[in-house]
N, C-alpha and C. Protein backbone atom coordinates (compact mmCIF):
# COMPACT_ATOMS: atom_id res chain seq x y z
N MET A 1 204.38 153.79 28.86
CA MET A 1 204.81 152.43 28.60
C MET A 1 205.35 151.86 29.20
N ASN A 2 204.82 150.25 29.65
CA ASN A 2 205.27 149.33 30.97
C ASN A 2 206.44 148.63 30.19
N ILE A 3 207.37 148.84 30.84
CA ILE A 3 209.03 147.82 30.47
C ILE A 3 208.96 146.42 30.42
N SER A 4 208.89 145.63 30.00
CA SER A 4 209.03 143.52 30.48
C SER A 4 210.10 144.17 31.50
N LYS A 5 210.71 143.35 31.77
CA LYS A 5 211.86 142.89 32.70
C LYS A 5 212.49 141.90 32.38
N THR A 6 213.16 142.11 31.91
CA THR A 6 213.91 141.37 31.10
C THR A 6 215.26 140.27 32.14
N VAL A 7 214.66 140.38 33.58
CA VAL A 7 215.63 139.53 34.57
C VAL A 7 214.37 139.34 35.34
N GLY A 8 215.19 138.38 36.61
CA GLY A 8 214.05 138.05 37.61
C GLY A 8 214.29 138.45 38.85
N LEU A 9 213.57 139.84 38.74
CA LEU A 9 213.97 140.95 39.62
C LEU A 9 213.08 140.58 40.88
N GLN A 10 214.47 139.80 41.73
CA GLN A 10 213.45 139.17 43.63
C GLN A 10 214.57 140.48 44.44
N PHE A 11 213.85 141.37 44.19
CA PHE A 11 215.06 141.70 44.86
C PHE A 11 214.77 142.37 46.36
N ILE A 12 215.83 142.81 47.20
CA ILE A 12 215.51 143.33 48.50
C ILE A 12 215.34 144.64 47.98
N ILE A 13 214.17 145.26 48.49
CA ILE A 13 213.94 146.88 47.60
C ILE A 13 213.75 147.96 49.04
N GLU A 14 214.85 148.80 49.17
CA GLU A 14 214.58 149.40 49.97
C GLU A 14 212.76 150.21 49.76
N GLN A 15 212.51 150.12 51.39
CA GLN A 15 211.02 151.62 50.91
C GLN A 15 211.05 151.93 50.67
N HIS A 16 211.30 152.41 48.91
CA HIS A 16 210.91 153.29 49.23
C HIS A 16 210.16 154.25 48.06
N TYR A 17 209.06 153.96 48.07
CA TYR A 17 208.42 154.47 46.83
C TYR A 17 208.43 155.67 45.60
N MET A 18 208.99 155.88 44.96
CA MET A 18 208.69 157.24 44.14
C MET A 18 207.87 157.35 43.08
N SER A 19 206.58 157.53 43.28
CA SER A 19 205.53 157.59 42.54
C SER A 19 205.88 157.83 40.65
N LYS A 20 206.22 159.19 40.45
CA LYS A 20 206.92 160.07 39.06
C LYS A 20 208.91 160.10 39.89
N ILE A 21 209.36 160.31 38.72
CA ILE A 21 210.94 160.85 38.60
C ILE A 21 210.91 160.97 37.31
N ALA A 22 211.52 162.18 36.98
CA ALA A 22 211.95 162.01 35.67
C ALA A 22 213.23 160.91 34.97
N ALA A 23 213.30 161.17 33.57
CA ALA A 23 214.54 160.03 33.10
C ALA A 23 214.99 160.45 31.92
N PHE A 24 215.94 160.33 32.50
CA PHE A 24 216.72 160.31 31.05
C PHE A 24 217.09 158.26 29.97
N PRO A 25 217.54 158.77 28.88
CA PRO A 25 217.68 157.29 28.21
C PRO A 25 218.98 157.31 27.94
N LEU A 26 220.40 156.46 28.96
CA LEU A 26 221.60 156.43 27.93
C LEU A 26 222.07 155.78 27.85
N GLU A 27 223.16 154.88 27.19
CA GLU A 27 224.07 153.64 27.09
C GLU A 27 224.78 153.70 28.66
N LEU A 28 224.08 153.86 30.22
CA LEU A 28 224.78 154.38 31.53
C LEU A 28 224.25 153.52 32.31
N VAL A 29 225.22 153.06 32.89
CA VAL A 29 225.08 152.41 34.07
C VAL A 29 225.93 152.87 35.62
N LEU A 30 225.31 153.84 36.69
CA LEU A 30 226.73 154.32 36.98
C LEU A 30 225.91 153.98 38.83
N LEU A 31 226.88 154.23 39.69
CA LEU A 31 227.15 152.77 40.68
C LEU A 31 226.86 153.99 41.60
N PRO A 32 226.37 153.74 43.00
CA PRO A 32 227.32 154.91 44.00
C PRO A 32 228.12 155.92 43.99
N ASN A 33 227.86 156.50 44.01
CA ASN A 33 229.02 157.93 44.21
C ASN A 33 230.16 157.83 43.13
N GLU A 34 229.72 156.66 41.94
CA GLU A 34 230.53 157.13 41.02
C GLU A 34 229.92 158.28 39.67
N GLN A 35 231.58 159.35 39.62
CA GLN A 35 230.31 160.61 38.56
C GLN A 35 230.98 160.06 37.02
N GLN A 36 230.33 160.70 36.23
CA GLN A 36 230.37 160.58 34.48
C GLN A 36 229.63 162.05 34.30
N ALA A 37 230.91 162.34 33.12
CA ALA A 37 230.14 163.23 31.56
C ALA A 37 229.03 163.86 31.51
N LEU A 38 228.35 164.41 31.28
CA LEU A 38 227.52 164.97 30.20
C LEU A 38 227.06 166.30 29.50
N HIS A 39 227.03 166.07 28.84
CA HIS A 39 226.49 167.81 27.81
C HIS A 39 225.51 167.53 27.02
N LEU A 40 224.14 168.20 27.81
CA LEU A 40 222.77 168.54 27.55
C LEU A 40 223.07 169.24 26.13
N PHE A 41 222.18 168.70 24.93
CA PHE A 41 222.07 169.78 24.75
C PHE A 41 220.41 169.31 23.81
N GLU A 42 219.67 168.89 24.47
CA GLU A 42 218.18 168.56 23.35
C GLU A 42 217.79 169.03 24.84
N GLY A 43 216.70 170.12 23.96
CA GLY A 43 215.53 170.48 24.52
C GLY A 43 215.39 170.15 25.95
N ARG A 44 215.02 168.91 25.98
CA ARG A 44 214.19 168.56 27.00
C ARG A 44 214.81 168.05 28.10
N TYR A 45 216.12 167.62 27.46
CA TYR A 45 216.95 167.29 28.81
C TYR A 45 217.77 168.34 29.22
N ARG A 46 218.06 169.92 28.87
CA ARG A 46 217.89 171.58 29.44
C ARG A 46 217.22 171.58 30.01
N GLN A 47 216.03 170.92 29.72
CA GLN A 47 214.75 171.27 31.24
C GLN A 47 214.86 170.93 32.05
N LEU A 48 214.93 169.72 31.92
CA LEU A 48 215.23 167.96 33.18
C LEU A 48 216.86 169.42 33.61
N TYR A 49 217.33 169.57 33.68
CA TYR A 49 218.64 170.40 34.14
C TYR A 49 218.04 171.57 35.11
N GLU A 50 217.38 172.26 34.40
CA GLU A 50 216.86 173.75 34.70
C GLU A 50 215.61 173.01 36.04
N HIS A 51 215.35 171.48 35.88
CA HIS A 51 214.71 171.39 37.06
C HIS A 51 215.15 170.51 38.40
N HIS A 52 215.90 169.61 38.03
CA HIS A 52 217.14 169.27 38.93
C HIS A 52 218.83 169.79 39.48
N LYS A 53 218.96 170.85 39.13
CA LYS A 53 220.47 171.32 39.32
C LYS A 53 220.84 171.63 40.41
N ASN A 54 220.12 172.02 41.27
CA ASN A 54 220.24 171.96 42.33
C ASN A 54 220.10 170.49 43.67
N GLY A 55 220.58 169.34 42.20
CA GLY A 55 220.71 167.97 43.31
C GLY A 55 219.50 167.35 43.48
N GLU A 56 218.14 167.42 42.92
CA GLU A 56 217.33 166.51 42.68
C GLU A 56 217.31 165.48 41.98
N PRO A 57 216.91 164.39 42.94
CA PRO A 57 217.56 163.33 41.92
C PRO A 57 216.76 162.85 40.60
N PHE A 58 217.56 161.67 39.78
CA PHE A 58 216.99 161.85 38.58
C PHE A 58 217.05 160.50 37.56
N VAL A 59 216.72 159.80 36.97
CA VAL A 59 216.70 158.35 37.27
C VAL A 59 217.23 157.98 35.44
N ILE A 60 218.29 157.95 35.14
CA ILE A 60 219.46 156.96 33.64
C ILE A 60 218.85 155.84 33.81
N VAL A 61 218.10 155.58 32.47
CA VAL A 61 217.19 154.73 32.72
C VAL A 61 218.52 153.85 31.24
N TYR A 62 218.80 152.49 31.77
CA TYR A 62 219.80 151.57 30.93
C TYR A 62 219.54 151.56 29.39
N GLN A 63 219.42 151.99 28.83
CA GLN A 63 219.04 151.63 27.25
C GLN A 63 220.88 151.15 26.27
N SER A 64 219.68 150.24 25.15
CA SER A 64 220.81 149.37 24.85
C SER A 64 220.42 148.86 23.68
N SER A 65 221.01 149.28 22.42
CA SER A 65 220.72 149.13 20.58
C SER A 65 218.63 149.71 20.91
N GLY A 66 218.60 150.28 21.23
CA GLY A 66 217.42 151.59 21.12
C GLY A 66 216.17 150.64 22.23
N LYS A 67 216.65 149.90 23.00
CA LYS A 67 215.96 149.38 23.21
C LYS A 67 215.92 149.38 25.72
N LEU A 68 214.73 149.10 25.74
CA LEU A 68 215.06 150.20 27.47
C LEU A 68 214.62 149.20 27.51
N SER A 69 215.37 149.28 28.98
CA SER A 69 215.50 148.07 30.23
C SER A 69 214.60 148.37 31.21
N ALA A 70 213.94 147.33 32.26
CA ALA A 70 213.85 147.70 33.03
C ALA A 70 214.18 148.07 34.66
N TYR A 71 215.55 148.11 34.50
CA TYR A 71 216.64 149.00 35.27
C TYR A 71 216.92 150.37 34.59
N GLY A 72 217.20 150.78 36.03
CA GLY A 72 218.36 152.56 35.69
C GLY A 72 219.28 152.71 37.13
N SER A 73 219.89 153.56 36.81
CA SER A 73 220.65 154.71 37.69
C SER A 73 219.90 155.36 38.35
N LEU A 74 219.32 155.77 39.49
CA LEU A 74 219.36 156.98 40.67
C LEU A 74 220.34 157.89 40.57
N VAL A 75 220.12 159.26 39.67
CA VAL A 75 221.62 160.20 40.14
C VAL A 75 220.95 161.40 40.53
N LYS A 76 221.88 162.31 41.09
CA LYS A 76 222.33 163.27 40.28
C LYS A 76 222.77 164.61 40.26
N ILE A 77 222.31 165.78 39.39
CA ILE A 77 224.22 166.23 39.30
C ILE A 77 224.40 166.88 39.64
N ASP A 78 225.46 166.20 40.38
CA ASP A 78 227.28 166.84 41.20
C ASP A 78 227.63 168.38 41.19
N GLN A 79 227.25 168.88 39.99
CA GLN A 79 228.04 169.80 40.15
C GLN A 79 227.83 170.49 38.21
N THR A 80 227.56 171.82 37.74
CA THR A 80 227.09 172.39 36.76
C THR A 80 228.27 172.81 35.97
N ALA A 81 229.50 172.19 35.34
CA ALA A 81 231.27 172.45 34.50
C ALA A 81 230.87 173.33 33.56
N GLU A 82 229.80 173.70 33.27
CA GLU A 82 229.95 174.44 31.59
C GLU A 82 228.50 175.04 30.77
N ILE A 83 228.52 175.90 30.89
CA ILE A 83 226.95 176.76 30.71
C ILE A 83 227.40 177.55 28.95
N TYR A 84 226.90 176.68 27.65
CA TYR A 84 227.17 177.56 26.90
C TYR A 84 226.53 178.68 25.78
N PRO A 85 227.51 179.07 25.71
CA PRO A 85 226.50 180.64 24.69
C PRO A 85 225.08 179.80 23.73
N ASP A 86 225.29 179.09 23.26
CA ASP A 86 224.25 178.11 22.68
C ASP A 86 222.99 177.54 23.60
N GLY A 87 223.02 177.57 24.50
CA GLY A 87 222.16 177.04 25.97
C GLY A 87 222.35 175.49 26.01
N THR A 88 223.95 174.45 25.67
CA THR A 88 224.23 173.78 25.82
C THR A 88 224.55 173.62 27.09
N ILE A 89 224.65 172.32 27.77
CA ILE A 89 225.24 172.35 29.05
C ILE A 89 226.34 171.62 29.50
N ASP A 90 227.12 171.71 29.84
CA ASP A 90 227.73 170.53 30.38
C ASP A 90 227.95 170.07 31.90
N VAL A 91 227.86 169.34 32.64
CA VAL A 91 227.35 168.61 33.79
C VAL A 91 228.27 167.40 34.17
N ILE A 92 227.91 167.20 36.42
CA ILE A 92 228.62 166.22 35.87
C ILE A 92 227.70 165.59 37.71
N ILE A 93 227.53 163.90 37.16
CA ILE A 93 226.30 163.37 37.32
C ILE A 93 227.02 162.58 38.28
N LYS A 94 226.32 162.08 39.38
CA LYS A 94 226.57 161.34 40.37
C LYS A 94 225.19 160.43 40.49
N GLY A 95 225.72 159.27 40.68
CA GLY A 95 225.54 157.76 40.98
C GLY A 95 225.26 157.91 42.93
N ILE A 96 223.61 157.52 43.16
CA ILE A 96 222.58 157.36 44.23
C ILE A 96 222.52 155.98 44.51
N ALA A 97 221.57 155.48 43.72
CA ALA A 97 222.00 154.16 44.10
C ALA A 97 220.62 153.58 42.39
N ALA A 98 220.25 152.12 42.40
CA ALA A 98 219.99 151.81 41.64
C ALA A 98 218.33 151.90 41.84
N PHE A 99 217.68 151.03 40.31
CA PHE A 99 216.49 152.31 40.50
C PHE A 99 215.58 151.07 39.74
N ALA A 100 214.81 150.53 40.03
CA ALA A 100 213.54 149.60 39.75
C ALA A 100 212.80 149.95 38.53
N ILE A 101 212.24 149.80 37.37
CA ILE A 101 211.40 150.62 36.44
C ILE A 101 210.36 149.83 36.53
N HIS A 102 208.97 150.43 36.56
CA HIS A 102 207.90 149.93 36.39
C HIS A 102 207.06 150.27 35.33
N ASN A 103 207.30 151.37 35.21
CA ASN A 103 206.21 151.97 33.90
C ASN A 103 207.05 153.44 33.32
N PHE A 104 207.14 154.13 32.10
CA PHE A 104 207.68 154.76 31.68
C PHE A 104 206.91 155.52 30.62
N GLU A 105 206.63 156.61 30.79
CA GLU A 105 206.74 157.72 29.86
C GLU A 105 207.28 158.37 29.09
N GLU A 106 206.80 159.13 28.03
CA GLU A 106 207.52 159.56 26.92
C GLU A 106 207.42 161.13 27.46
N LYS A 107 207.01 161.83 27.84
CA LYS A 107 207.22 162.96 28.21
C LYS A 107 206.34 163.29 29.80
N GLY A 108 205.87 164.06 30.36
CA GLY A 108 205.64 164.05 31.64
C GLY A 108 204.23 165.44 31.42
N LYS A 109 203.42 165.31 32.06
CA LYS A 109 202.05 165.80 31.96
C LYS A 109 203.02 168.01 31.48
N LYS A 110 203.12 168.07 32.27
CA LYS A 110 204.27 169.57 32.74
C LYS A 110 205.47 169.76 31.95
N THR A 111 206.41 168.36 31.57
CA THR A 111 207.24 168.21 31.22
C THR A 111 208.02 167.66 29.97
N LEU A 112 208.83 168.19 29.03
CA LEU A 112 209.01 167.79 27.98
C LEU A 112 210.43 166.11 27.71
N TYR A 113 211.12 165.76 28.89
CA TYR A 113 211.61 164.49 28.96
C TYR A 113 210.68 163.76 29.77
N PRO A 114 211.18 162.37 29.61
CA PRO A 114 210.18 161.23 30.05
C PRO A 114 210.66 161.01 31.79
N ILE A 115 209.90 160.88 32.00
CA ILE A 115 209.03 160.15 33.41
C ILE A 115 209.23 159.13 34.02
N VAL A 116 209.29 158.33 34.98
CA VAL A 116 209.06 156.99 35.11
C VAL A 116 208.53 156.36 36.52
N LYS A 117 207.81 155.63 36.42
CA LYS A 117 208.16 154.85 37.83
C LYS A 117 208.24 153.84 38.06
N GLY A 118 208.83 154.17 39.68
CA GLY A 118 209.70 152.29 39.93
C GLY A 118 209.88 152.81 41.82
N GLU A 119 211.02 151.81 42.10
CA GLU A 119 212.07 152.18 43.54
C GLU A 119 213.47 151.80 42.65
N LYS A 120 213.38 152.38 44.68
CA LYS A 120 215.40 152.55 44.47
C LYS A 120 216.00 151.52 45.60
N ILE A 121 216.32 151.32 44.84
CA ILE A 121 217.50 149.45 45.11
C ILE A 121 218.96 150.09 45.72
N LEU A 122 218.81 150.18 47.02
CA LEU A 122 220.91 150.00 47.14
C LEU A 122 220.98 149.44 48.82
N PRO A 123 222.12 148.21 47.90
CA PRO A 123 222.22 147.15 49.21
C PRO A 123 223.04 148.37 50.03
N ASP A 124 223.85 147.35 50.78
CA ASP A 124 224.68 148.08 51.38
C ASP A 124 226.22 148.66 51.27
N GLY A 125 226.53 147.69 50.37
CA GLY A 125 227.62 147.74 49.89
C GLY A 125 228.99 146.93 50.48
N LYS A 126 229.26 146.67 51.42
CA LYS A 126 229.90 146.34 51.91
C LYS A 126 231.00 145.05 51.72
N ALA A 127 232.26 145.74 51.91
CA ALA A 127 233.13 144.89 51.02
C ALA A 127 234.00 143.52 52.22
N ASP A 128 234.05 142.24 52.42
CA ASP A 128 234.32 141.98 53.16
C ASP A 128 236.50 141.84 53.07
N GLN A 129 236.72 141.63 54.15
CA GLN A 129 238.23 141.29 54.61
C GLN A 129 238.63 140.45 53.39
N THR A 130 238.44 139.91 53.13
CA THR A 130 239.19 138.81 51.35
C THR A 130 238.83 139.46 50.58
N LEU A 131 238.17 139.89 50.26
CA LEU A 131 237.48 140.63 48.94
C LEU A 131 239.17 142.36 49.20
N LYS A 132 239.08 142.70 49.96
CA LYS A 132 239.66 143.56 50.80
C LYS A 132 241.21 143.50 50.33
N SER A 133 241.03 142.51 50.71
CA SER A 133 242.81 142.48 50.64
C SER A 133 243.43 141.48 49.48
N ILE A 134 242.41 141.49 48.72
CA ILE A 134 242.72 140.48 47.25
C ILE A 134 242.68 141.29 46.72
N PHE A 135 242.22 142.79 46.70
CA PHE A 135 241.64 143.83 46.16
C PHE A 135 243.07 144.71 46.33
N ASN A 136 243.39 144.90 47.27
CA ASN A 136 244.62 145.36 47.91
C ASN A 136 245.66 144.66 47.04
N THR A 137 246.32 143.38 46.85
CA THR A 137 247.23 142.71 46.40
C THR A 137 247.01 143.03 44.74
N TYR A 138 245.83 143.21 44.78
CA TYR A 138 245.82 143.68 43.20
C TYR A 138 246.19 144.98 42.85
N LEU A 139 246.08 146.06 43.36
CA LEU A 139 246.49 147.07 42.89
C LEU A 139 248.05 147.70 43.57
N SER A 140 248.20 146.51 43.91
CA SER A 140 249.69 146.80 43.82
C SER A 140 250.47 146.15 42.55
N LYS A 141 250.46 144.98 42.41
CA LYS A 141 250.67 144.02 41.90
C LYS A 141 250.76 145.00 40.15
N MET A 142 249.48 145.36 40.16
CA MET A 142 249.70 146.64 39.30
C MET A 142 249.97 148.28 39.55
N CYS A 143 250.57 148.52 40.29
CA CYS A 143 251.61 149.79 40.82
C CYS A 143 250.15 150.57 40.72
N LYS A 144 248.94 150.29 40.97
CA LYS A 144 247.96 151.00 41.33
C LYS A 144 247.81 152.40 42.89
N LYS A 145 247.16 153.23 42.79
CA LYS A 145 247.57 154.18 44.03
C LYS A 145 246.55 153.68 45.16
N PRO A 146 247.23 152.96 45.98
CA PRO A 146 245.53 152.42 46.84
C PRO A 146 244.77 153.21 47.74
N PRO A 147 243.57 152.66 47.87
CA PRO A 147 242.86 153.58 48.29
C PRO A 147 243.10 154.47 49.29
N ILE A 148 242.34 155.82 49.69
CA ILE A 148 242.63 156.98 50.75
C ILE A 148 242.37 155.90 51.81
N ASN A 149 240.85 156.27 51.55
CA ASN A 149 239.43 155.65 52.38
C ASN A 149 239.99 154.49 52.74
N LYS A 150 240.62 153.60 53.87
CA LYS A 150 240.26 152.57 54.19
C LYS A 150 238.85 152.04 54.59
N GLU A 151 237.91 152.96 54.63
CA GLU A 151 236.46 151.63 54.83
C GLU A 151 235.97 151.87 53.84
N PHE A 152 236.91 151.81 52.33
CA PHE A 152 236.04 151.35 51.42
C PHE A 152 234.87 150.43 50.49
N ASP A 153 234.16 150.81 50.24
CA ASP A 153 233.14 149.54 49.62
C ASP A 153 233.08 148.95 48.89
N LEU A 154 232.35 148.00 48.58
CA LEU A 154 232.38 147.44 46.83
C LEU A 154 232.11 147.37 46.05
N PHE A 155 231.56 148.95 46.32
CA PHE A 155 230.49 149.60 44.98
C PHE A 155 232.09 151.36 44.22
N TYR A 156 233.37 151.28 46.01
CA TYR A 156 234.78 151.61 45.27
C TYR A 156 235.68 150.40 44.40
N ILE A 157 235.68 149.04 44.48
CA ILE A 157 236.55 148.14 43.97
C ILE A 157 235.75 148.15 42.63
N ALA A 158 234.67 148.02 42.57
CA ALA A 158 233.66 148.42 41.25
C ALA A 158 234.27 149.25 40.74
N GLN A 159 234.36 150.31 40.71
CA GLN A 159 234.95 151.46 39.61
C GLN A 159 235.84 151.54 39.29
N ARG A 160 236.90 151.19 40.64
CA ARG A 160 238.36 150.67 40.14
C ARG A 160 238.23 149.51 39.42
N LEU A 161 238.13 148.92 38.95
CA LEU A 161 238.20 147.64 38.11
C LEU A 161 238.01 147.37 36.70
N ASN A 162 237.35 149.59 36.59
CA ASN A 162 236.66 149.42 35.56
C ASN A 162 235.83 148.66 34.96
N LEU A 163 234.56 148.13 35.55
CA LEU A 163 233.77 147.03 34.98
C LEU A 163 233.29 148.33 33.92
N ASP A 164 231.94 147.07 33.22
CA ASP A 164 231.73 148.33 32.01
C ASP A 164 230.26 147.56 32.57
N ASN A 165 229.45 148.24 31.64
CA ASN A 165 227.58 149.20 31.70
C ASN A 165 226.82 147.41 32.13
N ILE A 166 227.65 146.42 31.26
CA ILE A 166 226.38 145.04 31.71
C ILE A 166 226.76 145.13 33.32
N GLN A 167 228.15 144.28 33.23
CA GLN A 167 229.07 144.33 34.41
C GLN A 167 228.12 144.91 35.22
N LYS A 168 228.29 146.19 35.75
CA LYS A 168 228.19 146.71 36.73
C LYS A 168 226.74 146.96 37.13
N LYS A 169 224.95 146.45 36.06
CA LYS A 169 224.53 146.57 35.95
C LYS A 169 224.09 144.70 36.93
N LYS A 170 224.57 143.80 36.42
CA LYS A 170 224.69 142.64 37.12
C LYS A 170 225.59 142.87 38.51
N LEU A 171 226.51 143.47 38.65
CA LEU A 171 226.66 143.03 40.07
C LEU A 171 225.43 143.75 40.95
N MET A 172 224.56 144.80 40.41
CA MET A 172 223.97 146.03 41.14
C MET A 172 222.31 145.04 41.71
N LEU A 173 222.35 143.82 40.40
CA LEU A 173 220.79 143.63 40.69
C LEU A 173 220.99 142.00 41.53
N MET A 174 222.84 141.66 41.84
CA MET A 174 222.51 140.64 42.95
C MET A 174 222.29 141.38 44.47
N ILE A 175 222.11 142.14 44.56
CA ILE A 175 222.02 143.03 45.21
C ILE A 175 222.60 142.45 46.43
N GLU A 176 222.90 141.31 47.33
CA GLU A 176 223.16 140.32 48.00
C GLU A 176 224.37 140.26 48.57
N ASN A 177 225.36 141.47 49.64
CA ASN A 177 226.61 140.90 49.76
C ASN A 177 227.50 140.25 49.27
N GLN A 178 227.21 138.70 50.16
CA GLN A 178 227.44 137.58 49.39
C GLN A 178 228.06 137.14 48.14
N LYS A 179 227.17 137.72 46.93
CA LYS A 179 226.92 137.51 45.37
C LYS A 179 227.65 138.69 45.27
N MET A 180 228.01 139.68 45.93
CA MET A 180 228.56 140.75 44.96
C MET A 180 229.77 140.73 45.52
N ASN A 181 230.44 140.35 46.61
CA ASN A 181 231.16 140.15 46.96
C ASN A 181 232.08 138.74 46.11
N ARG A 182 231.98 137.51 46.00
CA ARG A 182 232.23 137.11 45.24
C ARG A 182 232.77 137.39 43.74
N TYR A 183 231.35 137.98 43.21
CA TYR A 183 231.55 138.69 41.57
C TYR A 183 232.78 139.42 41.39
N LEU A 184 232.77 140.35 42.82
CA LEU A 184 234.03 141.33 42.35
C LEU A 184 235.43 140.64 42.73
N LEU A 185 235.55 139.26 43.46
CA LEU A 185 236.52 138.90 43.10
C LEU A 185 236.56 137.49 42.09
N ASN A 186 235.57 137.11 41.60
CA ASN A 186 235.82 135.97 40.19
C ASN A 186 236.09 137.43 39.21
N GLN A 187 235.58 138.97 38.88
CA GLN A 187 236.05 138.88 38.58
C GLN A 187 237.92 139.95 38.57
N ILE A 188 238.77 140.19 39.64
CA ILE A 188 239.59 140.51 40.00
C ILE A 188 240.85 139.30 39.47
N LYS A 189 240.65 138.04 39.88
CA LYS A 189 241.05 136.83 39.60
C LYS A 189 241.26 136.13 37.56
N LEU A 190 240.28 137.29 37.28
CA LEU A 190 240.02 137.26 35.42
C LEU A 190 241.09 137.87 35.82
N VAL A 191 241.05 139.44 35.96
CA VAL A 191 241.72 140.17 35.51
C VAL A 191 243.67 140.02 35.71
N SER A 192 243.60 139.27 36.61
CA SER A 192 244.33 138.78 36.54
C SER A 192 245.40 137.78 36.03
N SER A 193 244.37 137.01 35.74
CA SER A 193 244.86 135.38 35.47
C SER A 193 245.16 136.33 33.78
N CYS A 194 244.81 137.31 33.05
CA CYS A 194 245.10 137.65 31.78
C CYS A 194 246.11 138.13 31.61
N LEU A 195 246.26 139.08 32.61
CA LEU A 195 247.51 139.93 32.48
C LEU A 195 248.91 138.64 32.55
N GLU A 196 248.58 137.87 33.15
CA GLU A 196 249.31 136.49 33.75
C GLU A 196 250.02 135.96 32.44
N GLN A 197 249.07 136.08 31.73
CA GLN A 197 249.51 135.32 30.34
C GLN A 197 249.72 136.29 29.05
N GLU A 198 249.06 137.02 29.50
CA GLU A 198 249.82 138.45 28.80
C GLU A 198 251.48 138.83 28.97
N GLU A 199 251.79 138.62 29.86
CA GLU A 199 253.47 138.33 30.96
C GLU A 199 253.81 137.41 30.12
N LYS A 200 253.32 135.85 30.29
CA LYS A 200 253.87 134.67 29.83
C LYS A 200 253.65 135.15 28.40
N LEU A 201 253.71 135.58 27.12
CA LEU A 201 253.38 135.72 26.13
C LEU A 201 254.96 136.68 25.84
N LYS A 202 254.22 137.55 26.29
CA LYS A 202 255.61 138.34 26.17
C LYS A 202 256.82 137.82 26.22
N GLN A 203 257.36 137.17 27.17
CA GLN A 203 258.94 136.73 27.54
C GLN A 203 259.26 135.58 26.63
N LYS A 204 257.83 134.71 26.13
CA LYS A 204 257.84 133.56 25.43
C LYS A 204 258.49 133.99 24.02
N PHE A 205 258.22 135.78 24.05
CA PHE A 205 258.23 136.06 22.35
C PHE A 205 259.28 137.18 22.35
N HIS A 206 259.93 137.41 23.31
CA HIS A 206 261.43 137.54 23.89
C HIS A 206 262.42 136.65 23.59
N LEU A 207 262.53 135.28 24.76
CA LEU A 207 262.86 134.17 24.17
C LEU A 207 263.30 133.77 22.14
N ASN A 208 262.29 134.09 21.80
CA ASN A 208 262.35 133.59 20.22
C ASN A 208 262.57 134.41 19.73
């Protein structure tokens, strides 16, 4: 099945064409190095686990309201947390890159799980000094732990801001670092503004 692209995909795409790769449709977007727990119970995805448990990459195809996107997250199984007597499995997956999907098949010729064709997309993710400074100030105001690694990137900031799936997808589709930096700056300003308004309302309530 061909998937119609919902946005104008003018990508700076890494020259890494993947002819066929396993897929798992979910309402989930993972950024590079972001982790997520999954419980695998369907037979087709337990088969996917058997074929990819040693770190082979597969694609989480973003799905919303039953509709498949032309966007996905290239991921790998980072850890097998638990295998239960009924055959179901708990795993931790880890994001690697974004993935532009050109074609989706409900299952492969020799597999129960879906297969996609597409391309890996990986912006360099460099955070500029302005963003880093404002992010550190934001963490301090929120009484949150500062980054352990001083060389953190855009993806780390996005994770700490708890962006939702739509916001993460929008960020990754920007590709250009300048746009990504600006987007995260605006997100920090928006969150900070909302918190300031909440604080003012609390003070006003106490005064009354």
